[in-house]
C-alpha cells in the first residue's frame, strides 16, 4: 500500500498579546512507497512527529490530503478511520503507550481483541522475536523503558500491517535490540510494507531506501538508495 500526501500543511494558532500562527509542517508533497523504508530525521521540535501523525490519520492537516492507494484518508468518518488504521497501519508512538490494566501478551494482541479475534499465536511470535516472551504475564508497571518499547513495537507489527509508522522506535533500546527492531522493519518492507521511521539516531540510515531531513517544519530529501 502506497501513502501519498498532497500539499499537506499543519498550523497551530497560538494566542498571545498578538495572536500568531505556528507552522509545524510547511506545505509539502510526500510519498511513502510500498516495499521501502523511508527515514525522516531532525532535531526535537522540527515537525517530524507532527508530519508522521498527519500521515498516519491521527492529526488532521490544516490543508492538503493524504491518500492510501488513492483513497482519501481524511474523507472517512472517525469510526471508519479508526477501523482502517487498526487493520492496515502499524503505529509505534513515542513514549509509553501500554494499557496498564493488561499484561504484556494482552497488550501485544490488542489489535486482534478489538475485533474479538484471539491473536495469541501471532502475539506470542512477536514477543519471541523481540525478546519479551518470558514477560508475557508481567504487567506494564513492572517493565523497564526498553521492555515497554519492545512491547509497543510488537503490538504495532502483530497484524503484519501494510503501512508502518515508527516514531523514535529505538530510543530506549540497546545496540542488540536496536538491530532487531530495524531488521524487522527492513524485513517487513521487503515483504511489501510501506515503512516510515522518524528518528534522530543515525543507526536507521543504513536501513533506509530514502532519507529526508526536517527543519523548522520544512521537509527536504537528502539521499536515495541507488537502484
N, C-alpha and C. Protein backbone atom coordinates (compact mmCIF):
# COMPACT_ATOMS: atom_id res chain seq x y z
N UNK A 1 0.84 -1.20 0.00
CA UNK A 1 0.00 0.00 0.00
C UNK A 1 0.88 1.25 0.00
N UNK A 2 0.62 2.15 -0.91
CA UNK A 2 1.38 3.39 -1.05
C UNK A 2 0.66 4.53 -0.33
N UNK A 3 1.42 5.37 0.34
CA UNK A 3 0.87 6.55 1.02
C UNK A 3 1.40 7.80 0.31
N UNK A 4 0.48 8.65 -0.11
CA UNK A 4 0.88 9.86 -0.83
C UNK A 4 0.20 11.08 -0.19
N UNK A 5 1.00 12.04 0.18
CA UNK A 5 0.48 13.29 0.72
C UNK A 5 0.55 14.38 -0.34
N UNK A 6 -0.54 15.15 -0.44
CA UNK A 6 -0.62 16.19 -1.47
C UNK A 6 -0.81 17.55 -0.80
N UNK A 7 0.22 18.35 -0.89
CA UNK A 7 0.18 19.73 -0.37
C UNK A 7 -0.35 19.79 1.07
N UNK A 8 0.18 18.93 1.92
CA UNK A 8 -0.28 18.95 3.31
C UNK A 8 0.48 20.03 4.10
N UNK A 9 -0.24 20.62 5.02
CA UNK A 9 0.32 21.65 5.88
C UNK A 9 -0.38 21.56 7.24
N UNK A 10 0.36 21.79 8.31
CA UNK A 10 -0.24 21.78 9.64
C UNK A 10 0.19 23.02 10.40
N UNK A 11 -0.81 23.78 10.84
CA UNK A 11 -0.57 25.00 11.60
C UNK A 11 -1.33 24.98 12.91
N UNK A 12 -0.79 25.68 13.88
CA UNK A 12 -1.46 25.87 15.16
C UNK A 12 -1.55 27.37 15.44
N UNK A 13 -2.69 27.77 15.98
CA UNK A 13 -2.85 29.17 16.38
C UNK A 13 -2.44 29.31 17.84
N UNK A 14 -1.49 30.19 18.10
CA UNK A 14 -1.04 30.44 19.46
C UNK A 14 -1.55 31.82 19.88
N UNK A 15 -2.29 31.85 20.98
CA UNK A 15 -2.88 33.09 21.43
C UNK A 15 -1.94 33.79 22.41
N UNK A 16 -1.59 35.00 22.09
CA UNK A 16 -0.78 35.83 22.97
C UNK A 16 -1.26 37.26 22.81
N UNK A 17 -0.44 38.20 23.20
CA UNK A 17 -0.85 39.59 23.02
C UNK A 17 -1.17 39.85 21.56
N UNK A 18 -0.32 39.35 20.70
CA UNK A 18 -0.59 39.39 19.26
C UNK A 18 -0.73 37.95 18.79
N UNK A 19 -1.96 37.56 18.43
CA UNK A 19 -2.20 36.18 18.00
C UNK A 19 -1.27 35.85 16.83
N UNK A 20 -0.60 34.68 16.92
CA UNK A 20 0.31 34.29 15.84
C UNK A 20 0.10 32.83 15.50
N UNK A 21 0.62 32.43 14.37
CA UNK A 21 0.44 31.08 13.85
C UNK A 21 1.79 30.36 13.84
N UNK A 22 1.79 29.16 14.39
CA UNK A 22 2.96 28.30 14.34
C UNK A 22 2.78 27.31 13.19
N UNK A 23 3.69 27.30 12.25
CA UNK A 23 3.66 26.33 11.16
C UNK A 23 4.50 25.13 11.56
N UNK A 24 3.82 24.05 11.98
CA UNK A 24 4.53 22.84 12.41
C UNK A 24 5.04 22.06 11.22
N UNK A 25 4.24 22.03 10.14
CA UNK A 25 4.64 21.36 8.89
C UNK A 25 4.33 22.31 7.74
N UNK A 26 5.35 22.75 7.05
CA UNK A 26 5.16 23.61 5.88
C UNK A 26 4.60 22.78 4.73
N UNK A 27 3.90 23.44 3.82
CA UNK A 27 3.24 22.75 2.71
C UNK A 27 4.23 21.89 1.93
N UNK A 28 3.85 20.62 1.74
CA UNK A 28 4.75 19.69 1.03
C UNK A 28 3.97 18.55 0.40
N UNK A 29 4.57 17.95 -0.61
CA UNK A 29 4.14 16.68 -1.17
C UNK A 29 5.09 15.61 -0.65
N UNK A 30 4.56 14.41 -0.42
CA UNK A 30 5.41 13.37 0.17
C UNK A 30 4.86 12.00 -0.20
N UNK A 31 5.78 11.08 -0.47
CA UNK A 31 5.40 9.72 -0.86
C UNK A 31 6.11 8.72 0.02
N UNK A 32 5.35 7.73 0.53
CA UNK A 32 5.93 6.59 1.23
C UNK A 32 5.63 5.37 0.36
N UNK A 33 6.60 4.91 -0.42
CA UNK A 33 6.34 3.81 -1.35
C UNK A 33 6.21 2.47 -0.64
N UNK A 34 5.39 1.60 -1.16
CA UNK A 34 5.33 0.23 -0.68
C UNK A 34 6.66 -0.45 -0.95
N UNK A 35 7.10 -1.30 -0.02
CA UNK A 35 8.31 -2.06 -0.21
C UNK A 35 9.59 -1.30 0.09
N UNK A 36 9.46 -0.13 0.71
CA UNK A 36 10.65 0.67 1.01
C UNK A 36 10.62 1.17 2.45
N UNK A 37 11.82 1.47 2.97
CA UNK A 37 11.96 2.13 4.27
C UNK A 37 12.34 3.58 4.01
N UNK A 38 11.51 4.49 4.51
CA UNK A 38 11.76 5.92 4.40
C UNK A 38 12.08 6.45 5.79
N UNK A 39 13.15 7.21 5.91
CA UNK A 39 13.57 7.76 7.20
C UNK A 39 13.52 9.29 7.15
N UNK A 40 12.94 9.88 8.19
CA UNK A 40 12.99 11.33 8.38
C UNK A 40 13.73 11.60 9.67
N UNK A 41 14.75 12.44 9.59
CA UNK A 41 15.47 12.80 10.82
C UNK A 41 15.45 14.31 11.01
N UNK A 42 15.69 14.72 12.22
CA UNK A 42 15.70 16.14 12.54
C UNK A 42 15.71 16.31 14.04
N UNK A 43 16.00 17.52 14.48
CA UNK A 43 16.07 17.78 15.92
C UNK A 43 14.69 17.82 16.54
N UNK A 44 14.64 17.78 17.85
CA UNK A 44 13.37 17.88 18.57
C UNK A 44 12.69 19.20 18.22
N UNK A 45 11.38 19.13 17.93
CA UNK A 45 10.63 20.33 17.58
C UNK A 45 10.69 20.71 16.12
N UNK A 46 11.30 19.87 15.29
CA UNK A 46 11.43 20.20 13.86
C UNK A 46 10.15 19.95 13.08
N UNK A 47 9.21 19.19 13.67
CA UNK A 47 7.94 18.93 13.00
C UNK A 47 7.80 17.52 12.46
N UNK A 48 8.83 16.68 12.67
CA UNK A 48 8.79 15.35 12.07
C UNK A 48 7.71 14.45 12.67
N UNK A 49 7.48 14.53 13.98
CA UNK A 49 6.42 13.72 14.60
C UNK A 49 5.04 14.22 14.19
N UNK A 50 4.91 15.53 14.04
CA UNK A 50 3.63 16.09 13.57
C UNK A 50 3.32 15.59 12.17
N UNK A 51 4.31 15.59 11.30
CA UNK A 51 4.12 15.08 9.94
C UNK A 51 3.73 13.61 9.98
N UNK A 52 4.41 12.82 10.78
CA UNK A 52 4.08 11.39 10.90
C UNK A 52 2.64 11.20 11.33
N UNK A 53 2.18 11.97 12.31
CA UNK A 53 0.81 11.82 12.81
C UNK A 53 -0.24 12.25 11.78
N UNK A 54 0.10 13.23 10.97
CA UNK A 54 -0.81 13.61 9.87
C UNK A 54 -0.91 12.47 8.86
N UNK A 55 0.22 11.89 8.51
CA UNK A 55 0.24 10.81 7.52
C UNK A 55 -0.45 9.55 8.05
N UNK A 56 -0.40 9.35 9.37
CA UNK A 56 -0.98 8.15 9.99
C UNK A 56 -2.47 8.26 10.27
N UNK A 57 -3.07 9.38 9.97
CA UNK A 57 -4.51 9.53 10.18
C UNK A 57 -4.88 9.90 11.60
N UNK A 58 -3.92 10.41 12.36
CA UNK A 58 -4.17 10.75 13.76
C UNK A 58 -4.41 12.25 13.93
N UNK A 59 -3.78 13.05 13.10
CA UNK A 59 -3.84 14.50 13.24
C UNK A 59 -4.26 15.11 11.91
N UNK A 60 -5.43 15.72 11.87
CA UNK A 60 -5.94 16.30 10.63
C UNK A 60 -5.04 17.43 10.16
N UNK A 61 -4.71 17.45 8.88
CA UNK A 61 -3.90 18.56 8.36
C UNK A 61 -4.74 19.84 8.28
N UNK A 62 -4.07 20.96 8.36
CA UNK A 62 -4.75 22.25 8.15
C UNK A 62 -5.19 22.37 6.70
N UNK A 63 -4.33 21.92 5.82
CA UNK A 63 -4.65 21.90 4.39
C UNK A 63 -4.03 20.65 3.77
N UNK A 64 -4.56 20.26 2.61
CA UNK A 64 -4.00 19.14 1.88
C UNK A 64 -4.71 17.83 2.14
N UNK A 65 -4.27 16.80 1.44
CA UNK A 65 -4.91 15.49 1.53
C UNK A 65 -3.86 14.39 1.65
N UNK A 66 -4.28 13.26 2.24
CA UNK A 66 -3.43 12.09 2.37
C UNK A 66 -4.16 10.92 1.72
N UNK A 67 -3.50 10.25 0.78
CA UNK A 67 -4.12 9.15 0.05
C UNK A 67 -3.41 7.83 0.35
N UNK A 68 -4.19 6.78 0.55
CA UNK A 68 -3.69 5.42 0.68
C UNK A 68 -4.16 4.65 -0.54
N UNK A 69 -3.24 4.34 -1.44
CA UNK A 69 -3.60 3.72 -2.72
C UNK A 69 -4.76 4.46 -3.38
N UNK A 70 -4.69 5.78 -3.35
CA UNK A 70 -5.71 6.60 -4.00
C UNK A 70 -6.92 6.91 -3.16
N UNK A 71 -7.06 6.30 -1.98
CA UNK A 71 -8.20 6.54 -1.11
C UNK A 71 -7.91 7.73 -0.19
N UNK A 72 -8.81 8.71 -0.19
CA UNK A 72 -8.66 9.93 0.61
C UNK A 72 -8.87 9.58 2.08
N UNK A 73 -7.80 9.55 2.87
CA UNK A 73 -7.86 9.08 4.25
C UNK A 73 -8.81 9.92 5.10
N UNK A 74 -8.71 11.22 5.00
CA UNK A 74 -9.49 12.09 5.89
C UNK A 74 -10.91 12.34 5.38
N UNK A 75 -11.27 11.70 4.27
CA UNK A 75 -12.68 11.73 3.85
C UNK A 75 -13.51 10.74 4.65
N UNK A 76 -12.84 9.82 5.35
CA UNK A 76 -13.54 8.83 6.16
C UNK A 76 -14.05 9.44 7.47
N UNK A 77 -15.19 8.97 7.95
CA UNK A 77 -15.67 9.36 9.27
C UNK A 77 -14.77 8.74 10.33
N UNK A 78 -14.81 9.30 11.54
CA UNK A 78 -13.88 8.89 12.59
C UNK A 78 -13.91 7.39 12.87
N UNK A 79 -15.11 6.81 12.93
CA UNK A 79 -15.22 5.38 13.23
C UNK A 79 -14.58 4.55 12.13
N UNK A 80 -14.85 4.91 10.87
CA UNK A 80 -14.27 4.18 9.74
C UNK A 80 -12.76 4.40 9.68
N UNK A 81 -12.31 5.61 10.02
CA UNK A 81 -10.89 5.91 10.01
C UNK A 81 -10.16 5.09 11.06
N UNK A 82 -10.75 4.97 12.25
CA UNK A 82 -10.14 4.17 13.32
C UNK A 82 -10.03 2.70 12.91
N UNK A 83 -11.09 2.18 12.29
CA UNK A 83 -11.07 0.80 11.83
C UNK A 83 -10.03 0.57 10.76
N UNK A 84 -9.89 1.53 9.85
CA UNK A 84 -8.90 1.42 8.79
C UNK A 84 -7.49 1.41 9.37
N UNK A 85 -7.24 2.29 10.33
CA UNK A 85 -5.91 2.33 10.95
C UNK A 85 -5.58 1.00 11.63
N UNK A 86 -6.53 0.44 12.34
CA UNK A 86 -6.25 -0.80 13.06
C UNK A 86 -5.97 -1.97 12.12
N UNK A 87 -6.64 -1.99 10.99
CA UNK A 87 -6.49 -3.10 10.05
C UNK A 87 -5.27 -2.97 9.15
N UNK A 88 -4.86 -1.74 8.84
CA UNK A 88 -3.85 -1.55 7.80
C UNK A 88 -2.58 -0.85 8.26
N UNK A 89 -2.62 -0.20 9.43
CA UNK A 89 -1.50 0.63 9.87
C UNK A 89 -0.92 0.10 11.17
N UNK A 90 0.40 -0.02 11.22
CA UNK A 90 1.11 -0.29 12.46
C UNK A 90 1.74 1.00 12.94
N UNK A 91 1.47 1.38 14.18
CA UNK A 91 1.90 2.69 14.68
C UNK A 91 2.69 2.51 15.97
N UNK A 92 3.93 2.96 15.96
CA UNK A 92 4.79 2.93 17.15
C UNK A 92 4.96 4.36 17.63
N UNK A 93 4.26 4.76 18.71
CA UNK A 93 4.36 6.15 19.17
C UNK A 93 5.60 6.37 20.03
N UNK A 94 5.91 7.64 20.23
CA UNK A 94 6.92 7.98 21.22
C UNK A 94 6.35 7.75 22.62
N UNK A 95 7.23 7.55 23.58
CA UNK A 95 6.79 7.45 24.97
C UNK A 95 6.08 6.15 25.26
N UNK A 96 5.44 6.11 26.42
CA UNK A 96 4.79 4.89 26.89
C UNK A 96 3.34 4.84 26.41
N UNK A 97 2.97 3.71 25.84
CA UNK A 97 1.63 3.58 25.27
C UNK A 97 0.92 2.31 25.74
N UNK A 98 1.46 1.66 26.77
CA UNK A 98 0.86 0.41 27.26
C UNK A 98 -0.48 0.68 27.94
N UNK A 99 -1.39 -0.29 27.83
CA UNK A 99 -2.62 -0.28 28.61
C UNK A 99 -2.27 -0.89 29.96
N UNK A 100 -2.31 -0.10 31.02
CA UNK A 100 -1.76 -0.52 32.31
C UNK A 100 -2.49 -1.68 32.95
N UNK A 101 -3.76 -1.88 32.57
CA UNK A 101 -4.55 -2.96 33.17
C UNK A 101 -4.37 -4.31 32.46
N UNK A 102 -3.58 -4.33 31.37
CA UNK A 102 -3.34 -5.55 30.61
C UNK A 102 -1.89 -5.98 30.74
N UNK A 103 -1.66 -7.30 30.75
CA UNK A 103 -0.28 -7.78 30.80
C UNK A 103 0.36 -7.65 29.41
N UNK A 104 1.60 -8.08 29.31
CA UNK A 104 2.35 -7.91 28.06
C UNK A 104 1.67 -8.61 26.89
N UNK A 105 1.31 -9.87 27.06
CA UNK A 105 0.68 -10.61 25.96
C UNK A 105 -0.64 -9.96 25.55
N UNK A 106 -1.43 -9.54 26.52
CA UNK A 106 -2.72 -8.89 26.22
C UNK A 106 -2.51 -7.57 25.50
N UNK A 107 -1.48 -6.83 25.87
CA UNK A 107 -1.17 -5.59 25.17
C UNK A 107 -0.79 -5.86 23.72
N UNK A 108 0.05 -6.86 23.51
CA UNK A 108 0.54 -7.14 22.16
C UNK A 108 -0.60 -7.60 21.24
N UNK A 109 -1.52 -8.38 21.76
CA UNK A 109 -2.61 -8.88 20.90
C UNK A 109 -3.84 -7.98 20.89
N UNK A 110 -3.71 -6.78 21.45
CA UNK A 110 -4.83 -5.85 21.50
C UNK A 110 -5.43 -5.54 20.13
N UNK A 111 -4.64 -5.37 19.06
CA UNK A 111 -5.25 -5.12 17.75
C UNK A 111 -6.18 -6.23 17.28
N UNK A 112 -5.98 -7.45 17.77
CA UNK A 112 -6.91 -8.55 17.46
C UNK A 112 -8.14 -8.49 18.36
N UNK A 113 -7.93 -8.16 19.63
CA UNK A 113 -9.02 -8.17 20.60
C UNK A 113 -10.11 -7.16 20.23
N UNK A 114 -9.72 -6.09 19.57
CA UNK A 114 -10.70 -5.08 19.17
C UNK A 114 -11.75 -5.65 18.23
N UNK A 115 -11.40 -6.74 17.54
CA UNK A 115 -12.33 -7.39 16.62
C UNK A 115 -12.75 -8.77 17.12
N UNK A 116 -12.59 -8.96 18.45
CA UNK A 116 -12.98 -10.21 19.10
C UNK A 116 -12.30 -11.42 18.45
N UNK A 117 -11.07 -11.22 18.01
CA UNK A 117 -10.23 -12.30 17.49
C UNK A 117 -9.18 -12.61 18.56
N UNK A 118 -8.73 -13.84 18.62
CA UNK A 118 -7.79 -14.22 19.68
C UNK A 118 -6.40 -13.62 19.46
N UNK A 119 -5.75 -13.97 18.39
CA UNK A 119 -4.44 -13.39 18.09
C UNK A 119 -3.30 -13.87 18.96
N UNK A 120 -3.53 -14.87 19.81
CA UNK A 120 -2.48 -15.31 20.73
C UNK A 120 -1.25 -15.84 20.01
N UNK A 121 -1.46 -16.62 18.96
CA UNK A 121 -0.34 -17.21 18.23
C UNK A 121 0.55 -16.14 17.63
N UNK A 122 -0.06 -15.16 16.96
CA UNK A 122 0.71 -14.07 16.35
C UNK A 122 1.40 -13.24 17.42
N UNK A 123 0.71 -13.00 18.54
CA UNK A 123 1.29 -12.21 19.62
C UNK A 123 2.48 -12.91 20.25
N UNK A 124 2.37 -14.22 20.46
CA UNK A 124 3.49 -14.98 21.02
C UNK A 124 4.69 -14.96 20.08
N UNK A 125 4.43 -15.05 18.78
CA UNK A 125 5.51 -14.99 17.80
C UNK A 125 6.25 -13.66 17.90
N UNK A 126 5.50 -12.57 18.07
CA UNK A 126 6.11 -11.26 18.18
C UNK A 126 6.88 -11.09 19.49
N UNK A 127 6.34 -11.59 20.58
CA UNK A 127 7.08 -11.48 21.84
C UNK A 127 8.38 -12.26 21.78
N UNK A 128 8.37 -13.38 21.05
CA UNK A 128 9.60 -14.15 20.87
C UNK A 128 10.61 -13.37 20.04
N UNK A 129 10.14 -12.75 18.97
CA UNK A 129 11.02 -12.01 18.08
C UNK A 129 11.72 -10.86 18.81
N UNK A 130 10.99 -10.21 19.72
CA UNK A 130 11.55 -9.04 20.38
C UNK A 130 12.03 -9.31 21.81
N UNK A 131 12.20 -10.60 22.13
CA UNK A 131 12.85 -10.97 23.37
C UNK A 131 12.07 -10.69 24.63
N UNK A 132 10.74 -10.73 24.55
CA UNK A 132 9.91 -10.49 25.74
C UNK A 132 8.94 -11.65 25.99
N UNK A 133 9.25 -12.83 25.42
CA UNK A 133 8.37 -13.98 25.57
C UNK A 133 8.20 -14.36 27.05
N UNK A 134 9.29 -14.26 27.83
CA UNK A 134 9.21 -14.65 29.23
C UNK A 134 8.53 -13.60 30.10
N UNK A 135 8.09 -12.49 29.49
CA UNK A 135 7.42 -11.42 30.23
C UNK A 135 5.92 -11.36 29.92
N UNK A 136 5.39 -12.36 29.24
CA UNK A 136 4.01 -12.31 28.76
C UNK A 136 2.98 -12.03 29.86
N UNK A 137 3.21 -12.57 31.05
CA UNK A 137 2.25 -12.40 32.14
C UNK A 137 2.55 -11.19 33.03
N UNK A 138 3.60 -10.45 32.70
CA UNK A 138 4.02 -9.32 33.52
C UNK A 138 3.20 -8.08 33.16
N UNK A 139 2.90 -7.27 34.19
CA UNK A 139 2.14 -6.03 33.97
C UNK A 139 3.09 -4.90 33.57
N UNK A 140 2.61 -3.92 32.80
CA UNK A 140 3.49 -2.86 32.29
C UNK A 140 4.25 -2.08 33.35
N UNK A 141 3.66 -1.88 34.53
CA UNK A 141 4.35 -1.07 35.53
C UNK A 141 5.57 -1.78 36.12
N UNK A 142 5.76 -3.05 35.75
CA UNK A 142 6.94 -3.80 36.21
C UNK A 142 8.02 -3.90 35.12
N UNK A 143 7.81 -3.25 34.01
CA UNK A 143 8.75 -3.33 32.89
C UNK A 143 9.70 -2.14 32.86
N UNK A 144 10.86 -2.35 32.28
CA UNK A 144 11.80 -1.26 32.05
C UNK A 144 11.35 -0.46 30.83
N UNK A 145 11.98 0.69 30.62
CA UNK A 145 11.64 1.50 29.45
C UNK A 145 11.88 0.77 28.15
N UNK A 146 12.99 0.03 28.07
CA UNK A 146 13.29 -0.73 26.85
C UNK A 146 12.31 -1.85 26.60
N UNK A 147 11.88 -2.51 27.68
CA UNK A 147 10.89 -3.59 27.54
C UNK A 147 9.54 -3.04 27.09
N UNK A 148 9.17 -1.89 27.61
CA UNK A 148 7.92 -1.25 27.17
C UNK A 148 7.99 -0.87 25.70
N UNK A 149 9.15 -0.39 25.28
CA UNK A 149 9.32 -0.03 23.88
C UNK A 149 9.20 -1.24 22.97
N UNK A 150 9.84 -2.36 23.35
CA UNK A 150 9.76 -3.57 22.54
C UNK A 150 8.32 -4.11 22.50
N UNK A 151 7.60 -3.98 23.61
CA UNK A 151 6.20 -4.41 23.63
C UNK A 151 5.36 -3.57 22.67
N UNK A 152 5.59 -2.26 22.65
CA UNK A 152 4.84 -1.38 21.76
C UNK A 152 5.12 -1.71 20.29
N UNK A 153 6.38 -2.04 20.00
CA UNK A 153 6.74 -2.39 18.62
C UNK A 153 6.11 -3.72 18.23
N UNK A 154 6.14 -4.69 19.14
CA UNK A 154 5.50 -5.99 18.87
C UNK A 154 4.01 -5.81 18.59
N UNK A 155 3.36 -4.96 19.36
CA UNK A 155 1.92 -4.71 19.16
C UNK A 155 1.67 -4.05 17.81
N UNK A 156 2.52 -3.11 17.42
CA UNK A 156 2.34 -2.41 16.15
C UNK A 156 2.49 -3.33 14.95
N UNK A 157 3.32 -4.36 15.11
CA UNK A 157 3.63 -5.24 13.97
C UNK A 157 2.84 -6.54 13.98
N UNK A 158 2.04 -6.78 15.02
CA UNK A 158 1.45 -8.10 15.22
C UNK A 158 0.52 -8.52 14.08
N UNK A 159 -0.13 -7.59 13.44
CA UNK A 159 -1.05 -7.93 12.34
C UNK A 159 -0.36 -7.84 10.98
N UNK A 160 0.96 -7.66 10.98
CA UNK A 160 1.72 -7.52 9.74
C UNK A 160 1.07 -6.45 8.85
N UNK A 161 1.03 -5.22 9.35
CA UNK A 161 0.33 -4.14 8.63
C UNK A 161 1.00 -3.79 7.31
N UNK A 162 0.22 -3.18 6.45
CA UNK A 162 0.70 -2.78 5.13
C UNK A 162 1.48 -1.47 5.17
N UNK A 163 1.21 -0.66 6.20
CA UNK A 163 1.90 0.62 6.38
C UNK A 163 2.35 0.69 7.84
N UNK A 164 3.61 1.10 8.06
CA UNK A 164 4.15 1.14 9.42
C UNK A 164 4.75 2.52 9.67
N UNK A 165 4.30 3.14 10.76
CA UNK A 165 4.85 4.42 11.20
C UNK A 165 5.55 4.20 12.54
N UNK A 166 6.82 4.52 12.59
CA UNK A 166 7.60 4.30 13.81
C UNK A 166 8.26 5.61 14.23
N UNK A 167 7.81 6.14 15.35
CA UNK A 167 8.30 7.41 15.87
C UNK A 167 9.35 7.14 16.95
N UNK A 168 10.61 7.35 16.61
CA UNK A 168 11.74 7.07 17.52
C UNK A 168 11.64 5.64 18.07
N UNK A 169 11.57 4.62 17.21
CA UNK A 169 11.31 3.25 17.68
C UNK A 169 12.44 2.63 18.49
N UNK A 170 13.65 3.18 18.37
CA UNK A 170 14.79 2.57 19.07
C UNK A 170 15.35 3.46 20.17
N UNK A 171 14.59 4.46 20.58
CA UNK A 171 15.09 5.44 21.53
C UNK A 171 15.52 4.89 22.87
N UNK A 172 14.86 3.83 23.36
CA UNK A 172 15.18 3.29 24.68
C UNK A 172 15.92 1.96 24.61
N UNK A 173 16.44 1.61 23.44
CA UNK A 173 16.96 0.26 23.25
C UNK A 173 18.49 0.22 23.18
N UNK A 174 19.06 -0.91 23.59
CA UNK A 174 20.50 -1.12 23.46
C UNK A 174 20.81 -1.51 22.01
N UNK A 175 22.09 -1.68 21.71
CA UNK A 175 22.51 -1.93 20.33
C UNK A 175 21.88 -3.21 19.76
N UNK A 176 21.85 -4.27 20.57
CA UNK A 176 21.32 -5.54 20.07
C UNK A 176 19.84 -5.43 19.72
N UNK A 177 19.05 -4.81 20.61
CA UNK A 177 17.61 -4.70 20.35
C UNK A 177 17.32 -3.66 19.27
N UNK A 178 18.17 -2.64 19.17
CA UNK A 178 18.02 -1.69 18.06
C UNK A 178 18.15 -2.41 16.72
N UNK A 179 19.14 -3.28 16.62
CA UNK A 179 19.33 -4.04 15.39
C UNK A 179 18.13 -4.95 15.12
N UNK A 180 17.60 -5.59 16.16
CA UNK A 180 16.44 -6.48 16.00
C UNK A 180 15.25 -5.71 15.44
N UNK A 181 14.99 -4.53 16.00
CA UNK A 181 13.85 -3.72 15.56
C UNK A 181 14.05 -3.26 14.12
N UNK A 182 15.21 -2.72 13.82
CA UNK A 182 15.45 -2.20 12.47
C UNK A 182 15.48 -3.32 11.43
N UNK A 183 16.03 -4.48 11.80
CA UNK A 183 15.98 -5.64 10.91
C UNK A 183 14.53 -6.05 10.61
N UNK A 184 13.68 -6.01 11.65
CA UNK A 184 12.27 -6.39 11.47
C UNK A 184 11.55 -5.41 10.56
N UNK A 185 11.81 -4.12 10.72
CA UNK A 185 11.18 -3.12 9.85
C UNK A 185 11.68 -3.26 8.41
N UNK A 186 12.96 -3.54 8.24
CA UNK A 186 13.52 -3.76 6.91
C UNK A 186 12.89 -4.99 6.25
N UNK A 187 12.69 -6.06 7.04
CA UNK A 187 12.10 -7.29 6.51
C UNK A 187 10.65 -7.06 6.09
N UNK A 188 9.90 -6.30 6.88
CA UNK A 188 8.51 -6.01 6.53
C UNK A 188 8.43 -5.20 5.24
N UNK A 189 9.37 -4.29 5.06
CA UNK A 189 9.41 -3.55 3.80
C UNK A 189 9.72 -4.49 2.64
N UNK A 190 10.64 -5.43 2.88
CA UNK A 190 10.98 -6.42 1.85
C UNK A 190 9.76 -7.24 1.46
N UNK A 191 8.85 -7.45 2.43
CA UNK A 191 7.63 -8.21 2.17
C UNK A 191 6.52 -7.35 1.58
N UNK A 192 6.79 -6.05 1.38
CA UNK A 192 5.84 -5.19 0.68
C UNK A 192 5.27 -4.05 1.47
N UNK A 193 5.59 -3.93 2.74
CA UNK A 193 5.03 -2.85 3.56
C UNK A 193 5.70 -1.52 3.23
N UNK A 194 4.95 -0.45 3.41
CA UNK A 194 5.49 0.91 3.34
C UNK A 194 5.88 1.32 4.75
N UNK A 195 7.14 1.63 4.97
CA UNK A 195 7.66 1.89 6.31
C UNK A 195 8.21 3.31 6.40
N UNK A 196 7.75 4.05 7.41
CA UNK A 196 8.31 5.37 7.70
C UNK A 196 8.85 5.38 9.12
N UNK A 197 10.13 5.72 9.25
CA UNK A 197 10.78 5.84 10.55
C UNK A 197 11.16 7.29 10.77
N UNK A 198 10.72 7.83 11.89
CA UNK A 198 11.12 9.17 12.31
C UNK A 198 12.11 9.00 13.45
N UNK A 199 13.28 9.60 13.32
CA UNK A 199 14.32 9.36 14.31
C UNK A 199 15.35 10.48 14.31
N UNK A 200 16.13 10.54 15.38
CA UNK A 200 17.30 11.42 15.38
C UNK A 200 18.57 10.58 15.48
N UNK A 201 18.42 9.24 15.41
CA UNK A 201 19.55 8.34 15.53
C UNK A 201 20.00 7.84 14.15
N UNK A 202 21.29 7.90 13.93
CA UNK A 202 21.83 7.59 12.61
C UNK A 202 21.83 6.10 12.28
N UNK A 203 21.63 5.23 13.29
CA UNK A 203 21.62 3.79 13.03
C UNK A 203 20.60 3.41 11.96
N UNK A 204 19.51 4.15 11.90
CA UNK A 204 18.44 3.81 10.96
C UNK A 204 18.82 4.11 9.51
N UNK A 205 19.81 4.96 9.30
CA UNK A 205 20.12 5.41 7.94
C UNK A 205 20.53 4.26 7.02
N UNK A 206 21.27 3.29 7.57
CA UNK A 206 21.75 2.19 6.73
C UNK A 206 20.63 1.25 6.30
N UNK A 207 19.46 1.36 6.93
CA UNK A 207 18.31 0.52 6.60
C UNK A 207 17.38 1.23 5.61
N UNK A 208 17.67 2.49 5.31
CA UNK A 208 16.73 3.32 4.55
C UNK A 208 16.94 3.24 3.05
N UNK A 209 15.83 3.29 2.32
CA UNK A 209 15.88 3.46 0.87
C UNK A 209 15.96 4.94 0.53
N UNK A 210 15.31 5.76 1.37
CA UNK A 210 15.34 7.21 1.16
C UNK A 210 15.47 7.88 2.52
N UNK A 211 16.24 8.97 2.56
CA UNK A 211 16.45 9.72 3.80
C UNK A 211 16.05 11.17 3.57
N UNK A 212 15.22 11.68 4.48
CA UNK A 212 14.79 13.07 4.45
C UNK A 212 15.20 13.74 5.75
N UNK A 213 15.35 15.05 5.70
CA UNK A 213 15.58 15.81 6.92
C UNK A 213 14.45 16.82 7.09
N UNK A 214 14.25 17.22 8.33
CA UNK A 214 13.20 18.20 8.62
C UNK A 214 13.77 19.26 9.54
N UNK A 215 13.51 20.52 9.20
CA UNK A 215 14.00 21.64 9.99
C UNK A 215 12.97 22.75 9.95
N UNK A 216 12.52 23.16 11.15
CA UNK A 216 11.52 24.24 11.26
C UNK A 216 10.30 23.96 10.38
N UNK A 217 9.87 22.71 10.34
CA UNK A 217 8.67 22.33 9.61
C UNK A 217 8.86 22.10 8.13
N UNK A 218 10.08 22.29 7.63
CA UNK A 218 10.32 22.14 6.20
C UNK A 218 11.02 20.81 5.92
N UNK A 219 10.47 20.07 4.98
CA UNK A 219 10.97 18.74 4.63
C UNK A 219 11.84 18.82 3.38
N UNK A 220 12.98 18.12 3.42
CA UNK A 220 13.83 18.08 2.23
C UNK A 220 14.48 16.70 2.13
N UNK A 221 14.65 16.21 0.91
CA UNK A 221 15.27 14.91 0.70
C UNK A 221 16.78 15.03 0.68
N UNK A 222 17.45 14.08 1.35
CA UNK A 222 18.90 14.09 1.42
C UNK A 222 19.54 13.05 0.51
N UNK A 223 18.96 11.84 0.52
CA UNK A 223 19.58 10.79 -0.29
C UNK A 223 18.58 9.73 -0.65
N UNK A 224 18.96 8.92 -1.63
CA UNK A 224 18.10 7.84 -2.13
C UNK A 224 19.01 6.67 -2.45
N UNK A 225 18.63 5.47 -2.01
CA UNK A 225 19.44 4.29 -2.29
C UNK A 225 19.45 4.00 -3.78
N UNK A 226 20.61 3.78 -4.38
CA UNK A 226 20.66 3.52 -5.82
C UNK A 226 19.86 2.26 -6.19
N UNK A 227 19.28 2.30 -7.39
CA UNK A 227 18.58 1.13 -7.90
C UNK A 227 17.16 1.07 -7.49
